[in-house]
Protein backbone atom coordinates (compact mmCIF):
# COMPACT_ATOMS: atom_id res chain seq x y z
CA MET A 1 6.02 4.44 -39.38
CA GLU A 2 5.24 6.49 -36.21
CA ALA A 3 2.93 6.05 -33.42
CA LEU A 4 1.79 8.25 -30.43
CA LEU A 5 1.76 6.66 -26.85
CA LEU A 6 -0.24 8.18 -23.98
CA PRO A 7 0.77 6.33 -20.80
CA GLY A 8 -1.89 5.73 -18.14
CA LEU A 9 -2.33 7.43 -14.68
CA ALA A 10 1.30 7.83 -13.67
CA PRO A 11 2.14 9.59 -10.32
CA SER A 12 1.62 13.16 -11.04
CA ASP A 13 0.31 15.18 -8.08
CA TYR A 14 0.05 19.06 -8.43
CA SER A 15 3.52 19.68 -6.98
CA GLU A 16 5.12 17.42 -9.62
CA VAL A 17 3.61 19.21 -12.57
CA GLU A 18 2.95 22.70 -11.16
CA ALA A 19 5.79 24.07 -13.32
CA PHE A 20 4.49 22.70 -16.51
CA ILE A 21 0.76 23.84 -15.64
CA HIS A 22 1.93 27.46 -15.05
CA GLN A 23 4.59 27.79 -17.65
CA SER A 24 2.91 26.04 -20.60
CA PRO A 25 0.41 28.29 -22.50
CA HIS A 26 -1.22 24.94 -23.81
CA ALA A 27 -1.61 23.64 -20.18
CA ARG A 28 -3.11 26.84 -18.95
CA ARG A 29 -5.69 26.84 -21.84
CA ARG A 30 -6.61 23.16 -21.44
CA PHE A 31 -7.16 23.62 -17.73
CA SER A 32 -9.32 26.59 -18.58
CA GLU A 33 -11.34 24.61 -21.07
CA ALA A 34 -11.83 21.85 -18.70
CA SER A 35 -12.88 24.25 -15.95
CA SER A 36 -15.61 25.59 -18.34
CA THR A 37 -16.69 21.91 -19.09
CA ILE A 38 -17.00 20.82 -15.36
CA GLY A 39 -18.29 24.09 -13.80
CA TYR A 40 -15.36 24.81 -11.36
CA SER A 41 -11.76 25.64 -11.31
CA LEU A 42 -9.78 22.44 -12.20
CA MET A 43 -6.65 24.20 -11.41
CA ASP A 44 -7.75 25.05 -7.88
CA ALA A 45 -9.46 21.74 -7.16
CA PHE A 46 -6.26 19.85 -8.40
CA ARG A 47 -4.02 21.84 -6.00
CA GLU A 48 -6.08 20.85 -2.99
CA ALA A 49 -7.24 17.26 -4.24
CA ASP A 50 -6.88 14.18 -2.10
CA GLU A 51 -6.24 10.79 -3.48
CA ARG A 52 -10.02 9.92 -3.40
CA GLU A 53 -10.92 12.66 -5.70
CA TYR A 54 -10.69 10.70 -8.75
CA GLU A 55 -12.63 12.98 -11.03
CA VAL A 56 -10.34 15.81 -10.23
CA LYS A 57 -7.21 13.94 -10.57
CA GLU A 58 -8.07 12.14 -13.67
CA CYS A 59 -9.27 15.42 -15.45
CA ALA A 60 -6.10 17.10 -14.48
CA PHE A 61 -4.03 14.25 -15.90
CA LEU A 62 -6.07 14.38 -19.10
CA ALA A 63 -5.62 18.25 -19.29
CA ASN A 64 -1.85 17.79 -19.07
CA SER A 65 -2.00 14.89 -21.67
CA VAL A 66 -3.70 16.91 -24.16
CA ALA A 67 -1.58 19.94 -23.51
CA LEU A 68 1.58 17.81 -24.11
CA MET A 69 -0.07 16.67 -27.34
CA ASP A 70 -0.37 20.35 -28.25
CA HIS A 71 3.21 20.70 -27.71
CA TYR A 72 3.97 17.70 -29.72
CA ALA A 73 1.92 19.25 -32.69
CA ASP A 74 4.09 22.37 -32.34
CA LEU A 75 7.32 20.55 -32.41
CA TYR A 76 6.64 18.00 -35.03
CA GLY A 77 3.56 19.03 -36.76
CA SER A 78 2.67 15.54 -37.89
CA ARG A 79 -0.24 13.05 -37.17
CA PRO A 80 1.00 9.51 -36.41
CA GLU A 81 -1.01 6.95 -38.08
CA TYR A 82 -1.28 4.88 -34.80
CA THR A 83 -2.06 5.66 -31.29
CA ILE A 84 -1.65 3.81 -28.15
CA GLY A 85 -3.18 4.41 -24.81
CA PRO A 86 -2.61 1.88 -22.17
CA SER A 87 -5.04 2.13 -19.17
CA PHE A 88 -6.24 5.58 -18.49
CA GLY A 89 -4.18 6.72 -21.53
CA VAL A 90 -7.12 5.72 -23.66
CA MET A 91 -8.85 8.75 -22.91
CA GLY A 92 -6.02 10.94 -24.21
CA ALA A 93 -6.15 8.60 -27.26
CA ALA A 94 -9.70 9.31 -27.69
CA VAL A 95 -8.96 13.09 -28.10
CA ALA A 96 -5.87 12.20 -30.24
CA THR A 97 -7.87 10.10 -32.75
CA GLU A 98 -10.79 12.59 -32.49
CA THR A 99 -13.21 10.08 -31.67
CA LEU A 100 -14.16 12.39 -28.85
CA THR A 101 -13.68 16.09 -28.65
CA TYR A 102 -11.48 17.39 -25.67
CA GLU A 103 -14.64 18.80 -23.97
CA GLU A 104 -16.44 15.36 -24.49
CA ALA A 105 -13.41 13.62 -23.09
CA VAL A 106 -13.22 15.81 -19.97
CA TRP A 107 -16.83 15.40 -19.31
CA LEU A 108 -16.92 11.68 -19.71
CA THR A 109 -13.73 11.41 -17.50
CA HIS A 110 -15.36 13.60 -14.81
CA GLU A 111 -18.62 11.88 -14.64
CA SER A 112 -17.37 8.21 -15.04
CA ALA A 113 -14.74 9.05 -12.33
CA LYS A 114 -17.56 9.98 -10.05
CA VAL A 115 -19.39 6.72 -10.82
CA SER A 116 -16.27 4.80 -10.09
CA GLY A 117 -15.65 6.59 -6.98
CA ARG A 118 -19.18 5.59 -5.58
CA PHE A 119 -18.58 2.09 -6.86
CA TYR A 120 -15.30 1.99 -4.84
CA HIS A 121 -16.97 3.20 -1.84
CA HIS A 122 -19.68 0.66 -1.69
CA LEU A 123 -17.63 -2.30 -2.96
CA GLU A 124 -17.71 -5.17 -0.41
CA GLY A 125 -14.29 -6.42 0.67
CA ASP A 126 -10.85 -4.78 0.85
CA TYR A 127 -9.25 -5.35 -2.50
CA GLN A 128 -5.60 -4.28 -3.58
CA THR A 129 -3.57 -4.34 -6.66
CA HIS A 130 0.13 -5.38 -6.11
CA PHE A 131 2.90 -4.53 -8.70
CA ILE A 132 5.93 -6.87 -8.95
CA TYR A 133 9.04 -6.31 -10.85
CA ASN A 134 10.77 -8.97 -12.92
CA LEU A 135 8.25 -11.75 -12.65
CA SER A 136 7.48 -13.44 -15.98
CA LEU A 137 3.88 -13.85 -17.33
CA GLU A 138 4.35 -17.72 -17.01
CA ASP A 139 5.39 -17.33 -13.26
CA ALA A 140 2.48 -14.97 -12.55
CA ARG A 141 0.06 -17.42 -14.04
CA GLU A 142 1.54 -20.34 -12.05
CA ILE A 143 1.30 -18.25 -8.78
CA VAL A 144 -2.38 -17.35 -9.63
CA GLU A 145 -3.21 -21.07 -10.07
CA GLU A 146 -1.30 -21.90 -6.88
CA PHE A 147 -3.32 -19.57 -4.78
CA HIS A 148 -6.61 -20.57 -6.50
CA ALA A 149 -5.83 -24.12 -5.58
CA HIS A 150 -5.74 -23.08 -1.81
CA ASN A 151 -9.01 -20.95 -2.26
CA LYS A 152 -7.18 -17.72 -2.21
CA PRO A 153 -8.56 -15.39 -4.90
CA LEU A 154 -5.94 -13.76 -6.97
CA GLU A 155 -5.94 -12.60 -10.60
CA LEU A 156 -3.65 -11.11 -13.25
CA VAL A 157 -4.81 -7.63 -14.05
CA GLY A 158 -1.80 -6.18 -15.90
CA TYR A 159 1.31 -7.32 -17.64
CA LEU A 160 3.85 -4.69 -18.74
CA GLU A 161 6.83 -7.04 -19.58
CA LYS A 162 8.87 -6.32 -16.56
CA VAL A 163 6.16 -5.46 -14.32
CA VAL A 164 3.28 -7.75 -13.32
CA CYS A 165 0.09 -6.58 -11.48
CA LEU A 166 -1.91 -8.97 -9.33
CA CYS A 167 -5.10 -8.13 -7.56
CA GLY A 168 -6.99 -9.74 -4.80
CA PRO A 169 -8.34 -9.12 -1.31
CA ALA A 170 -5.92 -7.48 1.06
CA GLY A 171 -5.27 -10.60 3.15
CA VAL A 172 -4.27 -12.55 0.00
CA ILE A 173 -2.04 -9.61 -1.21
CA LYS A 174 -0.17 -9.76 2.26
CA GLU A 175 0.44 -13.54 1.69
CA LEU A 176 1.44 -12.84 -1.94
CA LYS A 177 4.11 -10.34 -0.61
CA GLU A 178 5.39 -12.95 1.89
CA TYR A 179 5.32 -15.62 -0.96
CA LEU A 180 7.53 -13.31 -3.23
CA ASN A 181 10.00 -12.65 -0.40
CA ASN A 182 11.23 -16.26 -0.86
CA LYS A 183 11.10 -16.04 -4.63
CA PRO A 184 14.65 -14.97 -6.17
CA LYS A 185 15.30 -12.14 -8.58
CA CYS A 186 11.68 -10.58 -8.48
CA PHE A 187 10.65 -8.12 -5.87
CA SER A 188 7.58 -6.09 -4.75
CA LEU A 189 7.17 -2.46 -6.07
CA HIS A 190 4.23 -0.90 -4.48
CA THR A 191 0.60 -1.72 -3.62
CA MET A 192 -2.66 0.26 -4.71
CA LYS A 193 -5.40 -0.01 -2.22
CA GLN A 194 -8.16 -0.66 -4.81
CA PRO A 195 -8.67 -3.07 -7.58
CA ILE A 196 -7.75 -2.03 -11.16
CA HIS A 197 -8.47 -3.86 -14.51
CA SER A 198 -10.10 -6.58 -12.27
CA SER A 199 -13.16 -8.89 -12.87
CA THR A 200 -14.31 -7.29 -9.63
CA LEU A 201 -15.14 -4.22 -11.64
CA ALA A 202 -17.40 -6.04 -14.01
CA PRO A 203 -20.50 -4.42 -12.39
CA LEU A 204 -18.86 -0.98 -12.78
CA HIS A 205 -18.28 -1.74 -16.55
CA GLN A 206 -22.02 -2.53 -16.90
CA GLU A 207 -23.01 0.44 -14.99
CA LEU A 208 -21.03 2.82 -17.17
CA LYS A 209 -21.92 0.99 -20.49
CA ASN A 210 -25.52 1.37 -19.53
CA GLY A 211 -25.33 4.81 -18.00
CA ILE A 212 -22.92 7.71 -18.75
CA PHE A 213 -21.38 6.21 -21.93
CA LYS A 214 -24.81 6.03 -23.65
CA GLU A 215 -24.77 9.81 -23.71
CA PHE A 216 -21.66 9.98 -26.12
CA ASN A 217 -21.52 9.48 -29.87
CA PHE A 218 -18.04 8.27 -30.62
CA LYS A 219 -17.00 9.26 -34.00
CA PRO A 220 -14.82 7.47 -36.60
CA LEU A 221 -11.18 7.51 -35.64
CA LYS A 222 -8.60 9.42 -37.30
CA GLY A 223 -5.86 6.76 -37.68
CA MET A 224 -5.67 3.31 -35.96
CA PHE A 225 -5.87 2.58 -32.17
CA ILE A 226 -3.95 -0.36 -30.83
CA SER A 227 -6.02 -1.84 -27.86
CA ASP A 228 -4.22 -2.25 -24.68
CA VAL A 229 -6.65 -5.11 -23.86
CA SER A 230 -6.36 -7.22 -26.82
CA GLY A 231 -3.52 -5.69 -29.10
CA GLU A 232 -5.98 -5.43 -31.96
CA LEU A 233 -6.27 -2.65 -34.50
CA ILE A 234 -9.22 -0.54 -33.98
CA LYS A 235 -10.72 2.14 -36.09
CA ASP A 236 -14.47 1.60 -35.70
CA PRO A 237 -15.79 3.97 -32.96
CA GLU A 238 -18.18 1.39 -31.30
CA LYS A 239 -15.13 -0.87 -30.91
CA PHE A 240 -13.06 1.73 -29.55
CA LYS A 241 -15.71 2.54 -26.84
CA GLN A 242 -15.99 -1.18 -26.11
CA SER A 243 -12.30 -1.42 -25.74
CA LEU A 244 -12.24 1.54 -23.26
CA LEU A 245 -14.92 0.00 -21.25
CA ASP A 246 -13.23 -3.52 -21.36
CA GLY A 247 -10.21 -1.76 -19.71
CA TYR A 248 -12.23 -1.53 -16.55
CA ASP A 249 -12.43 -5.34 -15.89
CA ASN A 250 -9.70 -6.92 -18.27
CA PRO A 251 -5.98 -6.95 -17.60
CA VAL A 252 -3.70 -4.44 -19.51
CA ARG A 253 -1.60 -6.70 -21.84
CA TRP A 254 1.45 -4.82 -23.03
CA ASP A 255 2.75 -8.09 -24.48
CA LEU A 256 -0.12 -8.07 -27.04
CA VAL A 257 0.55 -4.36 -27.87
CA LYS A 258 4.35 -5.00 -28.36
CA GLN A 259 3.45 -7.80 -30.66
CA GLN A 260 1.38 -5.44 -32.70
CA ILE A 261 4.08 -2.83 -32.73
CA VAL A 262 6.58 -5.31 -34.07
CA ARG A 263 4.06 -6.60 -36.59
CA LEU A 264 3.42 -3.16 -37.93
CA GLY A 265 7.16 -2.30 -38.16
CA LEU A 266 6.77 0.90 -36.11
CA LYS A 267 10.05 2.74 -35.78
CA ASP A 268 9.24 5.98 -33.86
CA ILE A 269 7.10 6.22 -30.83
CA TYR A 270 6.33 9.45 -29.17
CA VAL A 271 5.73 8.88 -25.57
CA VAL A 272 3.42 11.93 -24.44
CA GLY A 273 3.24 12.03 -20.71
CA PRO A 274 5.14 11.91 -17.46
CA LYS A 275 8.43 9.94 -17.48
CA ASN A 276 7.63 6.25 -16.88
CA LEU A 277 8.54 2.71 -17.68
CA PHE A 278 7.14 2.69 -21.24
CA ASN A 279 10.33 4.33 -22.61
CA GLN A 280 12.15 1.38 -20.90
CA LEU A 281 9.69 -1.13 -22.34
CA LEU A 282 10.16 0.18 -25.88
CA LYS A 283 13.86 1.08 -26.22
CA LYS A 284 15.08 -2.24 -27.46
CA ASP A 285 12.55 -2.44 -30.48
CA VAL A 286 12.03 1.18 -31.30
CA GLN A 287 13.20 4.72 -31.02
CA THR A 288 11.26 6.65 -28.21
CA ILE A 289 10.90 10.46 -28.36
CA GLU A 290 10.05 11.88 -24.99
CA VAL A 291 7.33 14.74 -24.75
CA SER A 292 7.15 14.95 -20.98
CA PRO A 293 6.26 18.04 -18.85
CA GLU A 294 9.91 17.97 -17.64
CA LYS A 295 11.08 18.20 -21.20
CA MET A 296 8.66 20.98 -22.14
CA VAL A 297 9.45 23.08 -19.12
CA ASP A 298 13.17 22.95 -20.05
CA MET A 299 12.38 23.77 -23.70
CA LEU A 300 10.18 26.85 -22.39
CA VAL A 301 12.70 28.23 -20.12
CA GLU A 302 15.24 27.80 -22.89
CA SER A 303 13.09 29.91 -25.33
């Protein structure tokens, strides 16, 4: 059995995917369609976007993800029975499973990102998310408990097997980094200057649920979706919508996704997106097939 995996927002600024956008006919078409939906040139906006223009960056990432799915269809012509979309990858999964059309997914991405941007702008406190390599889930939970015992708020917001994500106020994250310097084998990767998948974002979850999400009618899924929050199999459109919303204020749990992959006996997983750690997370259990911008550019040049 096969699955399609659409990774979440990986570092992919315009300069990193420029060759793919301009050489791929699918990418040019998807950017054009997105531009018609949002009312301005996504290509031009993406070229000039800064890190706070969430709606532009997310729409561009979605356009590239769906363009890569188009290439996947050209190459393999099959529809996997299962789709996985960790973090922002869930929006691409919405298109892959046809619970939303591409145009609907673009508009929902654009408008929800604007709501998120306003929320972050007015969020009280300076929250950060820190990524740590080679820290076990058990050790992460012990660190969270230890910090809580000293009235230092910290929470687990993501577990990706070899990478743990912890979120808290900037001062607490600074202390966490110092703490980790004295812990053998694990080391800090990088810090995002905002909370992700955090209980801090529960009000944002509710604002989106009661606002822009009410405007969309999610349709029955083609195939099954594996939730990145719970690992459960989802086919019902309302459950898919709730899983998408739950991703705002609940941790990404790759361990639960992995358990479901093993349980289902999946053998081949097509990783559709920028090169990232998911190939590494899966390689011991399944065969991964890369469908990345880099690979597609190479194939287009060769042809």
